[in-house]
Amino acid sequence: MNETLVTIVGNVASTVTYGQTSAGVPVANFRMATTERRFDRAAGDWVDGETSWVTVVAWRWLATNLVSSVTKGDPVLVSGRLRVREWGEDDRRRTSVEIDARSVGHDLSRGTSAFRWAVRGRSDPQGAGSGTARPARADAGGPTGIGEAVPEWIVAAVGARRAAEQAAVQAAERAAAGATDPAGGAGAAAPASGAPALSAAAGSDAD
């Protein structure tokens, strides 16, 4: 099957809309604007050219991740399949340009971003394309993906980091509990410091 695969760079020009098909498959879309840069010989400088507008459509887990990752105005790169649709009568033909996205990411040449693993179940091989997934195993110990293998060193690194963070939280909780416990700390030392004084007082009475 012939496909026209493109990668475009631009800005998110609308809020990300999210929904589900009648079969329960997540879908999200947003408008994207990409403006060409050209060199103006007369001005001797780079200037903005024409702006192209496309609709980016994402499905399944990409759609779910877009909602919490992309906002209006973000500089992004979109890679996917180009679709040009036409409709209407001969004298009133209309055209829409869409990209069926396979990957979406921030343009790091214009800023910074922080990646977070999405924890989810692996897809059912027999239910591919249905948008359904099996629950993730509780003992996975690392990120899981849909139809993709995560290298073992990444799984080990993520697991070690989570274990260290959990140990740090538990240590902080124990320290906080020890500081507020009336049976320990400074409260327990008061009777011990007063004991010699009571013994000395008892000895004076005996004399």
Protein backbone atom coordinates (compact mmCIF):
# COMPACT_ATOMS: atom_id res chain seq x y z
CA MET A 1 0.00 0.00 0.00
CA ASN A 2 1.33 3.41 -0.98
CA GLU A 3 1.53 5.94 1.81
CA THR A 4 2.70 9.54 1.91
CA LEU A 5 4.67 9.90 5.14
CA VAL A 6 5.58 13.42 6.24
CA THR A 7 7.21 15.14 9.20
CA ILE A 8 6.28 18.74 9.86
CA VAL A 9 7.42 21.31 12.41
CA GLY A 10 5.09 23.96 13.74
CA ASN A 11 2.94 25.09 16.63
CA VAL A 12 -0.23 23.73 18.19
CA ALA A 13 -2.92 26.19 17.14
CA SER A 14 -5.89 24.87 19.12
CA THR A 15 -6.74 22.95 22.23
CA VAL A 16 -6.51 19.17 22.01
CA THR A 17 -9.95 17.59 21.71
CA TYR A 18 -10.41 14.05 22.99
CA GLY A 19 -13.13 11.48 22.51
CA GLN A 20 -13.86 7.86 21.76
CA THR A 21 -15.33 6.08 18.79
CA SER A 22 -18.44 3.92 19.05
CA ALA A 23 -16.07 0.96 19.53
CA GLY A 24 -14.36 2.67 22.49
CA VAL A 25 -11.14 3.59 20.64
CA PRO A 26 -9.58 6.84 21.98
CA VAL A 27 -9.05 9.59 19.40
CA ALA A 28 -7.64 13.10 19.74
CA ASN A 29 -7.01 15.90 17.29
CA PHE A 30 -5.73 19.45 17.14
CA ARG A 31 -5.01 22.13 14.58
CA MET A 32 -1.39 22.81 13.73
CA ALA A 33 0.17 25.81 12.03
CA THR A 34 3.50 25.66 10.23
CA THR A 35 5.10 28.79 8.80
CA GLU A 36 7.91 28.64 6.30
CA ARG A 37 11.02 30.77 6.73
CA ARG A 38 12.63 32.25 3.63
CA PHE A 39 15.48 34.64 2.97
CA ASP A 40 14.42 38.03 1.66
CA ARG A 41 17.20 39.27 -0.60
CA ALA A 42 15.84 42.80 -0.65
CA ALA A 43 15.75 43.06 3.14
CA GLY A 44 18.83 40.91 3.63
CA ASP A 45 17.15 38.94 6.42
CA TRP A 46 15.00 35.91 7.08
CA VAL A 47 11.26 36.58 7.08
CA ASP A 48 8.10 34.55 7.61
CA GLY A 49 6.44 33.10 4.55
CA GLU A 50 3.01 31.57 4.14
CA THR A 51 1.37 29.62 6.94
CA SER A 52 -0.06 26.16 6.28
CA TRP A 53 -2.80 24.70 8.45
CA VAL A 54 -3.30 20.99 9.04
CA THR A 55 -5.40 18.86 11.35
CA VAL A 56 -3.46 16.28 13.37
CA VAL A 57 -5.36 13.13 14.31
CA ALA A 58 -4.04 10.61 16.86
CA TRP A 59 -5.44 7.27 17.95
CA ARG A 60 -5.31 4.97 20.97
CA TRP A 61 -2.43 5.54 23.42
CA LEU A 62 -0.97 8.39 21.41
CA ALA A 63 -4.33 10.15 21.73
CA THR A 64 -4.43 9.53 25.48
CA ASN A 65 -0.91 10.86 25.98
CA LEU A 66 -1.52 13.95 23.83
CA VAL A 67 -4.21 15.26 26.15
CA SER A 68 -1.83 15.55 29.11
CA SER A 69 1.29 16.52 27.15
CA VAL A 70 0.42 19.10 24.49
CA THR A 71 -1.21 22.50 24.93
CA LYS A 72 -2.06 25.36 22.61
CA GLY A 73 1.04 27.26 21.47
CA ASP A 74 3.54 24.42 22.04
CA PRO A 75 6.21 23.96 19.34
CA VAL A 76 5.95 20.37 18.13
CA LEU A 77 7.10 17.89 15.51
CA VAL A 78 4.51 15.59 13.99
CA SER A 79 5.27 12.53 11.91
CA GLY A 80 2.60 10.49 10.19
CA ARG A 81 0.56 9.74 7.11
CA LEU A 82 -0.66 12.65 4.98
CA ARG A 83 -4.30 12.66 3.94
CA VAL A 84 -5.91 15.22 1.63
CA ARG A 85 -9.70 15.09 1.51
CA GLU A 86 -11.96 16.83 -0.98
CA TRP A 87 -15.72 17.18 -0.92
CA GLY A 88 -18.53 19.33 -2.24
CA GLU A 89 -19.87 20.16 -5.67
CA ASP A 90 -17.69 20.92 -8.67
CA ASP A 91 -18.12 24.68 -8.28
CA ARG A 92 -17.70 24.54 -4.51
CA ARG A 93 -14.95 22.04 -3.89
CA ARG A 94 -13.37 22.09 -0.46
CA THR A 95 -10.12 20.56 0.69
CA SER A 96 -8.90 19.51 4.14
CA VAL A 97 -5.38 18.38 4.99
CA GLU A 98 -4.91 15.86 7.80
CA ILE A 99 -1.99 13.98 9.29
CA ASP A 100 -2.71 10.58 10.78
CA ALA A 101 -0.04 10.91 13.46
CA ARG A 102 2.32 8.12 14.42
CA SER A 103 4.58 10.23 16.62
CA VAL A 104 4.24 13.65 18.25
CA GLY A 105 6.91 15.41 20.29
CA HIS A 106 8.06 18.80 21.45
CA ASP A 107 10.55 20.72 19.32
CA LEU A 108 13.60 20.72 21.62
CA SER A 109 15.41 23.24 19.42
CA ARG A 110 13.08 25.84 20.94
CA GLY A 111 12.82 24.73 24.55
CA THR A 112 13.08 21.88 27.04
CA SER A 113 10.74 19.05 27.97
CA ALA A 114 10.58 16.28 30.60
CA PHE A 115 9.58 12.74 29.61
CA ARG A 116 7.45 10.48 31.80
CA TRP A 117 6.77 6.81 31.13
CA ALA A 118 3.12 5.97 30.63
CA VAL A 119 2.23 2.89 32.65
CA ARG A 120 -0.32 0.80 30.79
CA GLY A 121 -1.14 -2.76 29.80
CA ARG A 122 0.21 -4.53 26.75
CA SER A 123 -2.20 -4.90 23.86
CA ASP A 124 -3.93 -8.16 23.13
CA PRO A 125 -2.46 -9.59 19.86
CA GLN A 126 -5.92 -10.84 18.87
CA GLY A 127 -7.52 -7.49 19.67
CA ALA A 128 -5.07 -5.32 17.73
CA GLY A 129 -6.85 -2.25 16.49
CA SER A 130 -9.71 -2.62 18.96
CA GLY A 131 -8.22 -0.20 21.46
CA THR A 132 -8.49 -2.74 24.29
CA ALA A 133 -5.59 -3.77 26.49
CA ARG A 134 -4.87 -6.26 29.22
CA PRO A 135 -4.14 -4.85 32.68
CA ALA A 136 -0.48 -4.32 33.49
CA ARG A 137 1.17 -6.86 35.78
CA ALA A 138 1.71 -5.69 39.33
CA ASP A 139 5.26 -7.08 39.33
CA ALA A 140 6.29 -5.44 36.07
CA GLY A 141 8.80 -3.19 37.82
CA GLY A 142 9.13 -0.90 34.81
CA PRO A 143 7.36 0.81 31.92
CA THR A 144 5.21 -1.16 29.55
CA GLY A 145 4.14 -0.22 26.07
CA ILE A 146 1.67 -1.03 23.37
CA GLY A 147 3.27 -3.26 20.78
CA GLU A 148 6.80 -2.15 21.60
CA ALA A 149 9.66 -3.76 23.54
CA VAL A 150 11.38 -1.72 26.24
CA PRO A 151 15.09 -2.54 26.66
CA GLU A 152 15.92 -4.41 29.85
CA TRP A 153 18.44 -1.78 30.99
CA ILE A 154 15.71 0.86 30.89
CA VAL A 155 13.37 -1.35 32.91
CA ALA A 156 16.15 -1.98 35.47
CA ALA A 157 17.02 1.72 35.70
CA VAL A 158 13.41 2.77 36.20
CA GLY A 159 12.88 0.04 38.80
CA ALA A 160 16.00 1.07 40.73
CA ARG A 161 14.95 4.70 40.71
CA ARG A 162 11.47 3.90 41.96
CA ALA A 163 12.91 1.71 44.73
CA ALA A 164 15.27 4.51 45.81
CA GLU A 165 12.45 7.04 45.85
CA GLN A 166 10.27 4.69 47.90
CA ALA A 167 13.09 4.07 50.39
CA ALA A 168 13.65 7.83 50.77
CA VAL A 169 9.94 8.40 51.43
CA GLN A 170 9.84 5.64 54.04
CA ALA A 171 12.94 7.04 55.77
CA ALA A 172 11.38 10.50 55.89
CA GLU A 173 8.16 9.06 57.33
CA ARG A 174 10.08 7.20 60.05
CA ALA A 175 12.04 10.33 60.95
CA ALA A 176 8.85 12.38 61.16
CA ALA A 177 7.15 9.75 63.31
CA GLY A 178 10.12 9.65 65.71
CA ALA A 179 10.13 13.43 66.11
CA THR A 180 6.42 13.59 66.99
CA ASP A 181 6.21 10.44 69.18
CA PRO A 182 5.70 11.54 72.86
CA ALA A 183 7.12 8.24 74.08
CA GLY A 184 10.49 8.84 72.43
CA GLY A 185 12.97 11.62 71.85
CA ALA A 186 13.29 14.45 74.38
CA GLY A 187 10.13 13.39 76.21
CA ALA A 188 11.67 10.09 77.28
CA ALA A 189 14.89 11.70 78.51
CA ALA A 190 13.23 13.90 81.13
CA PRO A 191 12.58 11.20 83.76
CA ALA A 192 16.11 9.85 83.39
CA SER A 193 17.70 13.27 84.01
CA GLY A 194 15.56 13.80 87.07
CA ALA A 195 16.36 10.44 88.67
CA PRO A 196 19.73 11.40 90.23
CA ALA A 197 18.18 14.45 91.88
CA LEU A 198 15.50 12.36 93.52
CA SER A 199 18.12 9.90 94.83
CA ALA A 200 20.22 12.70 96.30
CA ALA A 201 17.19 14.17 98.02
CA ALA A 202 16.34 10.79 99.53
CA GLY A 203 19.91 10.45 100.83
CA SER A 204 19.77 13.84 102.64
CA ASP A 205 16.57 12.90 104.42
CA ALA A 206 18.15 9.68 105.60
CA ASP A 207 21.02 11.63 107.25
